[in-house]
Protein backbone atom coordinates (compact mmCIF):
# COMPACT_ATOMS: atom_id res chain seq x y z
CA MET A 1 -13.69 -25.20 -1.79
CA ASN A 2 -11.36 -25.04 -4.79
CA LEU A 3 -7.70 -24.10 -5.12
CA GLU A 4 -8.39 -20.63 -6.50
CA GLU A 5 -10.43 -19.68 -3.43
CA LEU A 6 -7.73 -20.98 -1.10
CA TRP A 7 -5.01 -19.04 -2.93
CA GLN A 8 -7.01 -15.80 -3.01
CA ALA A 9 -7.61 -16.05 0.75
CA ALA A 10 -3.88 -16.67 1.33
CA LEU A 11 -2.96 -13.71 -0.88
CA GLY A 12 -5.19 -11.49 1.23
CA GLU A 13 -3.10 -12.39 4.28
CA ILE A 14 0.27 -12.14 2.50
CA GLU A 15 -0.57 -8.67 1.21
CA LEU A 16 -0.76 -7.36 4.78
CA GLY A 17 2.95 -7.90 5.34
CA ILE A 18 4.52 -6.40 2.21
CA SER A 19 4.33 -3.21 0.17
CA ARG A 20 1.69 -2.86 -2.52
CA ALA A 21 4.36 -2.54 -5.20
CA SER A 22 6.09 -5.77 -4.14
CA PHE A 23 2.79 -7.63 -3.88
CA VAL A 24 1.76 -6.67 -7.42
CA THR A 25 5.22 -7.40 -8.83
CA TRP A 26 5.72 -10.89 -7.36
CA PHE A 27 2.26 -12.30 -6.67
CA LYS A 28 0.06 -10.89 -9.44
CA ASN A 29 0.70 -13.77 -11.86
CA SER A 30 0.99 -16.60 -9.33
CA ARG A 31 -1.49 -19.44 -8.89
CA LEU A 32 -2.00 -22.41 -6.61
CA VAL A 33 -2.41 -25.19 -9.19
CA GLU A 34 -2.34 -28.38 -7.14
CA LYS A 35 -2.55 -29.75 -3.63
CA ARG A 36 -1.17 -33.28 -3.33
CA GLU A 37 -2.21 -35.99 -0.90
CA ASP A 38 1.15 -35.74 0.89
CA GLY A 39 0.36 -32.12 1.84
CA THR A 40 2.49 -30.45 -0.86
CA ALA A 41 1.04 -27.32 -2.43
CA MET A 42 2.25 -26.52 -5.95
CA ILE A 43 2.48 -22.83 -6.86
CA ALA A 44 2.92 -21.80 -10.49
CA CYS A 45 5.09 -18.80 -11.41
CA HIS A 46 5.27 -17.18 -14.84
CA ASN A 47 9.08 -17.09 -15.07
CA ASN A 48 12.23 -18.33 -13.34
CA PHE A 49 12.97 -14.93 -11.78
CA SER A 50 9.61 -14.88 -9.97
CA LYS A 51 10.07 -18.50 -8.90
CA GLU A 52 13.46 -17.80 -7.33
CA TRP A 53 12.17 -14.64 -5.63
CA LEU A 54 9.15 -16.37 -4.07
CA GLU A 55 11.32 -19.28 -2.92
CA SER A 56 14.07 -17.15 -1.39
CA LYS A 57 12.18 -14.17 0.04
CA TYR A 58 8.52 -15.04 0.56
CA HIS A 59 8.48 -18.81 1.16
CA LYS A 60 7.87 -18.57 4.92
CA SER A 61 5.09 -16.02 4.48
CA ILE A 62 3.39 -18.15 1.81
CA LEU A 63 3.60 -21.36 3.84
CA ARG A 64 2.33 -19.62 6.99
CA ALA A 65 -0.62 -18.06 5.14
CA LEU A 66 -1.62 -21.37 3.53
CA ARG A 67 -1.27 -23.33 6.77
CA ASN A 68 -3.38 -20.78 8.63
CA LEU A 69 -6.13 -21.62 6.17
CA ASP A 70 -5.48 -25.33 5.60
CA GLN A 71 -3.54 -27.34 8.21
CA ASP A 72 -3.13 -30.25 5.78
CA ILE A 73 -0.56 -28.25 3.76
CA ARG A 74 2.95 -29.13 4.94
CA SER A 75 5.28 -27.99 2.16
CA ILE A 76 5.39 -25.95 -1.06
CA GLU A 77 6.87 -26.57 -4.49
CA TYR A 78 7.30 -23.80 -7.05
CA VAL A 79 6.99 -24.52 -10.76
CA ILE A 80 7.21 -22.46 -13.94
CA HIS A 81 4.48 -22.61 -16.55
CA ASP A 82 1.68 -20.56 -18.03
CA VAL A 83 -0.31 -19.58 -14.94
CA SER A 84 -3.27 -18.59 -17.07
CA VAL A 85 -3.80 -22.28 -17.93
CA LYS A 86 -4.66 -24.76 -15.21
CA THR A 87 -3.10 -28.20 -15.06
CA GLU A 88 -4.89 -31.03 -16.88
CA ARG A 89 -5.82 -32.60 -13.56
CA HIS A 90 -7.22 -29.34 -12.27
CA ARG A 91 -9.22 -28.68 -15.45
CA GLN A 92 -10.94 -32.04 -15.18
CA GLU A 93 -11.87 -31.69 -11.52
CA PRO A 94 -15.66 -31.54 -11.12
CA ARG A 95 -16.80 -28.29 -9.51
CA LEU A 96 -18.79 -28.69 -6.32
CA VAL A 97 -21.89 -26.52 -6.47
CA VAL A 98 -22.64 -25.10 -3.03
CA PRO A 99 -25.62 -23.02 -1.90
CA PHE A 100 -25.39 -19.34 -2.86
CA GLU A 101 -25.25 -18.11 0.73
CA ASN A 102 -22.26 -20.33 1.54
CA GLN A 103 -20.06 -19.39 -1.39
CA LEU A 104 -16.78 -17.55 -0.92
CA ASN A 105 -17.01 -15.45 -4.04
CA LEU A 106 -13.49 -14.15 -4.70
CA PRO A 107 -13.45 -13.28 -8.41
CA GLU A 108 -10.24 -13.65 -10.35
CA ILE A 109 -8.44 -10.38 -11.00
CA HIS A 110 -7.67 -9.52 -14.62
CA VAL A 111 -5.23 -6.64 -14.88
CA ASP A 112 -5.29 -4.87 -18.26
CA ARG A 113 -1.91 -5.52 -19.88
CA GLU A 114 -1.94 -2.29 -21.85
CA THR A 115 -2.82 0.08 -19.00
CA ASN A 116 -1.83 -2.04 -15.94
CA LEU A 117 -5.18 -1.07 -14.42
CA ASN A 118 -7.08 -3.38 -12.09
CA PRO A 119 -10.83 -3.18 -12.89
CA LYS A 120 -11.82 -3.61 -9.24
CA TYR A 121 -10.42 -0.18 -8.34
CA THR A 122 -13.19 2.25 -9.26
CA PHE A 123 -14.76 5.36 -7.76
CA GLU A 124 -17.92 3.32 -7.14
CA THR A 125 -16.05 0.90 -4.84
CA PHE A 126 -14.12 3.65 -3.02
CA ILE A 127 -15.64 4.42 0.37
CA VAL A 128 -15.61 8.17 1.03
CA GLY A 129 -15.22 9.53 4.55
CA ALA A 130 -13.90 12.60 6.33
CA SER A 131 -10.32 11.32 6.01
CA ASN A 132 -10.33 11.11 2.22
CA GLU A 133 -13.15 13.26 0.83
CA LEU A 134 -10.85 16.02 -0.46
CA ALA A 135 -8.58 13.50 -2.21
CA HIS A 136 -11.64 11.77 -3.68
CA ALA A 137 -13.08 15.06 -4.97
CA ALA A 138 -9.74 16.07 -6.52
CA ALA A 139 -9.38 12.66 -8.19
CA LEU A 140 -12.90 12.91 -9.65
CA ALA A 141 -12.16 16.40 -10.96
CA ALA A 142 -8.89 15.25 -12.54
CA ALA A 143 -10.61 12.34 -14.27
CA ASP A 144 -13.42 14.56 -15.53
CA GLY A 145 -11.24 17.49 -16.68
CA LEU A 146 -8.27 15.54 -17.97
CA GLY A 147 -5.19 17.76 -18.11
CA THR A 148 -7.12 20.93 -17.26
CA LYS A 149 -7.94 20.54 -13.54
CA TYR A 150 -5.45 19.76 -10.80
CA ASN A 151 -2.55 18.94 -13.08
CA PRO A 152 -0.39 17.49 -11.70
CA LEU A 153 -2.33 15.88 -8.85
CA PHE A 154 -0.26 14.64 -5.89
CA ILE A 155 -1.98 12.26 -3.44
CA TYR A 156 -0.13 11.23 -0.30
CA GLY A 157 -0.87 9.20 2.81
CA GLY A 158 0.19 6.18 4.84
CA VAL A 159 0.29 2.53 3.89
CA GLY A 160 -3.00 0.80 3.16
CA LEU A 161 -5.23 3.90 3.18
CA GLY A 162 -6.45 3.80 -0.43
CA LYS A 163 -3.94 5.78 -2.50
CA THR A 164 -3.54 3.05 -5.12
CA HIS A 165 -7.30 2.53 -5.26
CA LEU A 166 -7.91 6.21 -5.94
CA LEU A 167 -5.06 6.42 -8.46
CA GLN A 168 -6.37 3.49 -10.49
CA ALA A 169 -9.96 4.70 -10.16
CA ILE A 170 -8.93 7.78 -12.15
CA GLY A 171 -7.54 5.55 -14.88
CA ASN A 172 -10.57 3.28 -14.98
CA ALA A 173 -12.95 6.27 -15.13
CA VAL A 174 -11.02 7.75 -18.07
CA ARG A 175 -11.03 4.40 -19.88
CA LEU A 176 -14.76 4.05 -19.32
CA LYS A 177 -15.40 7.56 -20.65
CA TYR A 178 -13.04 7.60 -23.63
CA GLY A 179 -12.29 3.94 -24.38
CA ASN A 180 -9.14 3.58 -26.50
CA LYS A 181 -9.27 7.24 -27.60
CA LYS A 182 -7.14 8.19 -24.59
CA LYS A 183 -3.89 6.41 -23.77
CA VAL A 184 -3.63 5.56 -20.09
CA ARG A 185 -0.81 3.91 -18.16
CA TYR A 186 -0.44 3.01 -14.48
CA VAL A 187 3.01 2.04 -13.15
CA THR A 188 4.73 1.83 -9.81
CA SER A 189 7.91 3.85 -9.42
CA GLU A 190 9.81 0.57 -9.09
CA LYS A 191 8.44 -0.64 -12.43
CA PHE A 192 9.33 2.65 -14.11
CA THR A 193 12.91 2.30 -12.84
CA ASP A 194 13.13 -1.37 -13.86
CA ASP A 195 11.85 -0.60 -17.37
CA LEU A 196 14.35 2.23 -17.74
CA VAL A 197 17.26 0.01 -16.65
CA SER A 198 16.09 -2.66 -19.07
CA ALA A 199 15.84 -0.11 -21.90
CA ILE A 200 19.38 1.14 -21.22
CA ARG A 201 20.69 -2.43 -21.24
CA LYS A 202 18.88 -3.25 -24.50
CA GLN A 203 19.75 0.13 -26.05
CA SER A 204 16.05 0.90 -26.54
CA VAL A 205 15.77 4.12 -24.50
CA SER A 206 14.11 5.95 -27.42
CA GLU A 207 11.31 3.39 -27.46
CA PHE A 208 10.99 3.66 -23.67
CA LYS A 209 10.60 7.45 -23.90
CA ALA A 210 8.03 7.20 -26.69
CA ASN A 211 5.91 4.72 -24.72
CA PHE A 212 5.45 7.16 -21.85
CA ARG A 213 5.47 10.50 -23.66
CA GLN A 214 2.54 9.61 -25.89
CA LEU A 215 0.20 9.11 -22.92
CA ASP A 216 -2.89 11.18 -22.17
CA LEU A 217 -2.95 10.05 -18.53
CA PHE A 218 0.14 8.95 -16.62
CA LEU A 219 -0.47 7.42 -13.16
CA ILE A 220 2.61 6.68 -11.07
CA ASP A 221 2.50 5.04 -7.64
CA ASP A 222 4.91 5.44 -4.68
CA ILE A 223 6.98 8.28 -6.11
CA GLN A 224 9.09 8.39 -2.93
CA PHE A 225 11.08 5.40 -4.21
CA PHE A 226 12.77 7.67 -6.77
CA THR A 227 14.95 8.85 -3.89
CA SER A 228 18.67 8.85 -4.81
CA LYS A 229 18.02 7.33 -8.27
CA GLU A 230 19.52 10.12 -10.35
CA LYS A 231 19.06 8.61 -13.82
CA THR A 232 15.45 7.68 -13.06
CA GLN A 233 14.72 11.18 -11.74
CA GLU A 234 16.25 12.78 -14.81
CA GLU A 235 14.22 10.65 -17.24
CA PHE A 236 11.04 11.13 -15.25
CA PHE A 237 11.61 14.90 -15.14
CA HIS A 238 11.78 15.07 -18.93
CA THR A 239 8.82 12.73 -19.33
CA PHE A 240 6.75 14.85 -16.97
CA ASN A 241 7.70 18.07 -18.80
CA SER A 242 6.80 16.55 -22.16
CA LEU A 243 3.35 15.53 -20.91
CA TYR A 244 2.66 18.69 -18.91
CA GLU A 245 3.54 21.03 -21.79
CA ARG A 246 0.92 19.27 -23.93
CA ASN A 247 -1.74 19.41 -21.17
CA LYS A 248 -1.62 15.69 -20.49
CA GLN A 249 -2.69 14.61 -17.02
CA VAL A 250 -0.14 13.32 -14.51
CA VAL A 251 -1.07 11.90 -11.09
CA PHE A 252 1.39 10.82 -8.38
CA THR A 253 1.07 9.04 -5.06
CA SER A 254 3.55 9.00 -2.21
CA ASP A 255 3.72 8.08 1.46
CA ARG A 256 4.67 11.70 2.29
CA PRO A 257 4.21 15.24 0.91
CA PRO A 258 6.72 16.54 -1.70
CA ARG A 259 8.55 18.68 0.85
CA ALA A 260 9.36 15.62 2.98
CA ILE A 261 10.72 13.38 0.19
CA PRO A 262 14.47 13.21 0.87
CA ALA A 263 17.31 13.10 -1.69
CA ILE A 264 15.19 14.19 -4.63
CA GLU A 265 16.11 16.91 -7.13
CA GLU A 266 14.65 20.34 -6.36
CA ARG A 267 13.42 20.78 -9.93
CA LEU A 268 11.41 17.54 -9.55
CA ARG A 269 10.13 18.53 -6.11
CA SER A 270 9.07 21.85 -7.64
CA ARG A 271 7.03 19.99 -10.29
CA PHE A 272 5.30 17.92 -7.61
CA GLN A 273 4.39 21.07 -5.68
CA GLY A 274 3.18 22.90 -8.76
CA GLY A 275 -0.24 21.30 -8.83
CA MET A 276 -2.86 20.11 -6.35
CA ILE A 277 -1.57 18.31 -3.23
CA VAL A 278 -4.08 16.29 -1.18
CA ASP A 279 -3.69 13.80 1.64
CA ILE A 280 -5.53 10.69 2.80
CA GLY A 281 -5.67 10.23 6.56
CA PHE A 282 -6.71 7.43 8.89
CA PRO A 283 -10.35 6.38 8.36
CA ASP A 284 -12.75 7.11 11.22
CA ILE A 285 -14.89 4.37 12.79
CA GLU A 286 -17.89 5.09 10.54
CA THR A 287 -15.74 4.83 7.41
CA ARG A 288 -14.14 1.58 8.60
CA ILE A 289 -17.56 0.04 9.23
CA ALA A 290 -18.76 1.18 5.80
CA ILE A 291 -15.66 -0.34 4.16
CA LEU A 292 -16.22 -3.71 5.83
CA LYS A 293 -19.91 -3.76 4.89
CA SER A 294 -19.11 -2.79 1.31
CA LYS A 295 -16.43 -5.48 0.94
CA ALA A 296 -18.72 -8.11 2.43
CA GLN A 297 -21.47 -7.08 0.01
CA GLU A 298 -19.05 -7.36 -2.93
CA VAL A 299 -18.50 -11.05 -2.17
CA GLN A 300 -22.17 -11.55 -1.24
CA PHE A 301 -21.46 -12.48 2.36
CA GLU A 302 -23.67 -11.50 5.28
CA ILE A 303 -21.75 -10.60 8.40
CA LYS A 304 -23.13 -9.73 11.81
CA ASP A 305 -23.10 -6.06 12.84
CA ASP A 306 -21.40 -6.81 16.16
CA VAL A 307 -18.58 -8.62 14.33
CA ILE A 308 -18.15 -5.69 11.93
CA GLU A 309 -18.02 -3.20 14.79
CA PHE A 310 -15.52 -5.36 16.69
CA VAL A 311 -13.13 -5.59 13.71
CA ALA A 312 -13.54 -1.89 12.87
CA THR A 313 -12.77 -0.94 16.47
CA LYS A 314 -9.68 -3.14 16.70
CA ILE A 315 -8.12 -2.32 13.31
CA GLN A 316 -7.99 1.45 13.00
CA LYS A 317 -5.17 2.56 10.72
CA ASN A 318 -4.95 0.27 7.70
CA ILE A 319 -7.72 -0.52 5.21
CA ARG A 320 -5.68 -3.38 3.77
CA GLU A 321 -5.64 -5.02 7.21
CA LEU A 322 -9.41 -4.57 7.42
CA GLU A 323 -9.83 -6.40 4.11
CA GLY A 324 -7.40 -9.13 5.16
CA ALA A 325 -9.31 -9.66 8.41
CA LEU A 326 -12.61 -9.87 6.52
CA ASN A 327 -11.19 -12.41 4.05
CA ARG A 328 -10.09 -14.63 6.93
CA ILE A 329 -13.51 -14.39 8.60
CA ILE A 330 -15.30 -15.26 5.36
CA PHE A 331 -13.03 -18.21 4.67
CA HIS A 332 -13.53 -19.74 8.12
CA ALA A 333 -17.28 -19.06 8.00
CA LYS A 334 -17.50 -21.05 4.79
CA MET A 335 -15.38 -23.88 6.16
CA ARG A 336 -17.60 -24.20 9.26
CA GLY A 337 -20.89 -23.44 7.55
CA ARG A 338 -21.92 -20.74 10.02
CA GLN A 339 -21.23 -17.17 11.05
CA PRO A 340 -18.51 -16.73 13.71
CA SER A 341 -19.17 -15.00 17.03
CA VAL A 342 -17.20 -11.99 18.26
CA GLN A 343 -15.23 -14.28 20.60
CA GLU A 344 -14.34 -16.60 17.69
CA VAL A 345 -13.31 -13.63 15.53
CA ASP A 346 -11.11 -12.33 18.35
CA ALA A 347 -9.27 -15.67 18.43
CA LEU A 348 -9.22 -15.97 14.65
CA LEU A 349 -7.61 -12.55 14.20
CA SER A 350 -5.28 -12.75 17.19
CA GLU A 351 -2.16 -12.38 15.03
CA ILE A 352 -3.48 -9.30 13.21
CA LEU A 353 -4.88 -7.72 16.37
CA HIS A 354 -1.63 -8.34 18.24
CA HIS A 355 0.19 -6.65 15.37
CA ALA A 356 -2.14 -3.65 15.65
CA THR A 357 -1.65 -3.25 19.41
CA ARG A 358 1.96 -4.30 19.88
CA ILE A 359 4.33 -2.45 22.24
CA ILE A 360 6.34 0.32 20.58
CA THR A 361 9.87 1.04 21.78
CA ALA A 362 11.87 4.28 21.80
CA LYS A 363 14.38 2.71 19.41
CA GLN A 364 11.59 2.03 16.88
CA VAL A 365 10.39 5.63 17.09
CA ILE A 366 13.90 7.02 16.53
CA LYS A 367 14.48 4.65 13.61
CA MET A 368 11.20 5.55 11.92
CA VAL A 369 11.89 9.27 12.19
CA ALA A 370 15.41 8.78 10.85
CA ASP A 371 14.15 6.65 7.93
CA PHE A 372 11.43 9.15 7.10
CA TYR A 373 13.94 12.00 6.72
CA ASP A 374 16.61 9.79 5.11
CA LEU A 375 18.99 10.10 8.08
CA SER A 376 20.81 7.55 10.19
CA GLU A 377 19.89 6.99 13.83
CA SER A 378 23.34 8.27 14.81
CA ASP A 379 22.60 11.54 12.95
CA LEU A 380 19.72 12.20 15.35
CA ILE A 381 21.71 11.30 18.44
CA LYS A 382 25.05 13.03 17.83
CA LYS A 383 25.51 16.75 18.52
CA SER A 384 24.79 18.36 15.17
CA ARG A 385 23.12 21.75 14.67
CA LYS A 386 22.31 21.34 10.97
CA ARG A 387 18.70 22.31 10.28
CA ASP A 388 17.99 19.12 8.34
CA VAL A 389 18.97 17.17 11.48
CA VAL A 390 17.71 19.46 14.27
CA LYS A 391 14.05 19.41 13.19
CA PRO A 392 13.82 15.59 12.84
CA ARG A 393 15.55 15.22 16.21
CA GLN A 394 12.98 17.52 17.82
CA ILE A 395 10.17 15.56 16.17
CA ALA A 396 11.58 12.30 17.54
CA MET A 397 11.74 13.81 21.05
CA PHE A 398 8.18 15.09 20.69
CA LEU A 399 6.88 11.65 19.62
CA LEU A 400 8.64 9.89 22.50
CA ARG A 401 6.99 12.30 24.90
CA GLU A 402 3.51 12.41 23.34
CA GLU A 403 3.10 8.80 22.20
CA LEU A 404 5.20 6.78 24.68
CA LYS A 405 4.91 9.22 27.62
CA THR A 406 8.68 8.97 28.19
CA SER A 407 10.06 11.32 30.83
CA TYR A 408 12.10 14.35 29.73
CA PRO A 409 15.33 13.15 31.42
CA ALA A 410 14.95 9.67 29.85
CA ILE A 411 14.49 11.23 26.40
CA GLY A 412 17.57 13.40 26.92
CA GLU A 413 19.55 10.31 27.86
CA LYS A 414 18.58 8.57 24.61
CA PHE A 415 19.77 11.56 22.58
CA GLY A 416 23.39 11.72 23.71
CA ASN A 417 22.71 12.61 27.37
CA ARG A 418 21.17 16.00 26.55
CA ASP A 419 19.80 18.09 29.39
CA HIS A 420 16.08 17.65 30.09
CA THR A 421 15.49 21.39 29.48
CA THR A 422 16.65 20.88 25.88
CA VAL A 423 14.05 18.16 25.48
CA ILE A 424 11.30 20.34 26.98
CA HIS A 425 12.21 23.15 24.58
CA ALA A 426 12.11 20.73 21.59
CA CYS A 427 8.72 19.29 22.54
CA GLU A 428 7.15 22.70 23.17
CA LYS A 429 8.53 24.05 19.90
CA ILE A 430 7.11 21.18 17.82
CA LYS A 431 3.77 21.41 19.64
CA LYS A 432 3.48 25.12 18.71
CA GLU A 433 4.67 24.65 15.12
CA ILE A 434 2.11 21.91 14.48
CA VAL A 435 -0.65 24.47 15.10
CA LYS A 436 0.90 27.00 12.68
CA GLU A 437 2.24 24.61 10.01
CA GLN A 438 -0.30 22.17 8.64
CA GLN A 439 2.41 20.48 6.59
CA LEU A 440 4.44 19.62 9.70
CA GLY A 441 1.38 18.11 11.36
CA GLN A 442 0.76 15.94 8.32
CA GLU A 443 4.38 14.74 8.29
CA ILE A 444 4.15 13.78 11.96
CA ASP A 445 0.88 11.93 11.33
CA LEU A 446 2.57 9.95 8.55
CA ILE A 447 5.47 9.06 10.81
CA LYS A 448 3.05 7.92 13.52
CA GLU A 449 1.22 5.79 10.98
CA LYS A 450 4.49 4.11 10.02
CA ILE A 451 5.41 3.55 13.67
CA PHE A 452 2.13 1.87 14.57
CA THR A 453 1.47 -0.13 11.39
CA SER A 454 4.86 -1.11 9.94
């Protein structure tokens, strides 16, 4: 086993615990370049800012992930140099050729610097199921009829369900079809904001505007992070208008529908709602099994059907966790030279499976609802009759009753000692409105996803 394989397996585990945007920003250009005899692992970063961030914020996660895979690693050092070039010692290491069936084939990822697209995210590698078939069809149509069908396209859903994959698949399909004739750019909302701040500081805003307004396809991930960033929203609004008026395609993703994004300008919300809005839900058992089989086939690893079914049954609401679990199974299978049993996989994935089945508290539910609607927990509890507070409060009561089976009096006590009849009224009202308002049902599903997977 070489250092690249060890680092890729560790990255698969680290990715489970942080947002996609943060993972791409801080870990994309990192590399494990050396493992010393004293148990020190040396990680290369491409600049001092990344080095300091990994040391201060992610050190424990990195060390834990590496030690889970290699107990000989005891400490980590972070260095700055060109991560695209291996150290002299590493370059001269002879490669051990192992039999084809025992290889852990984790190919290096090369993100296109011009487009920011990852070539592994394609329509061919996207597993379609009942939970995402509408989003998949809309994405295909947008890629095929650039700027003329479903413009803008707004894709929303919970963490780890495939939004980024689908977003980048559109970009890769357009690049494959048109080559350099169409200008494509994928960015996260955080990157868009960072670039704008940098442009303001360097007095190069005109260049920043030109870079985005000349695009034929603009793909922007996690649009909900524009919340409360007035300057970013203003610039994005004008960028969107410039592209839309010239029939250029714009595609957004978010963890919630436009209506539920708090503290965002109405004119921007109106633009989001002006096109096609599609959601990605939790994958069913058949889709989860298909995803695991597909990922195993990608790395040319044979895995027993009973192991696949066990993992797919235990991990139900996050595709990223499915992939992380598979990476860990593959790594340990290679280390031991044989396929693990279901019992061994259960022990191997105990941390992930515990995470997926942990006990949820009433306080967590209330906090998640408050965060989703950009309110404080005290807003939900205190006696306020404002509509933007009343509905979230009723949703929180409904979730406590439906998901945690909390008694009506106990729920009333948690919300400022309200009478149990008030709680019953709230729960019944939300239950009826879910049937009539599809949008409300989708919002509640997203909140539940955050509660059980965050």
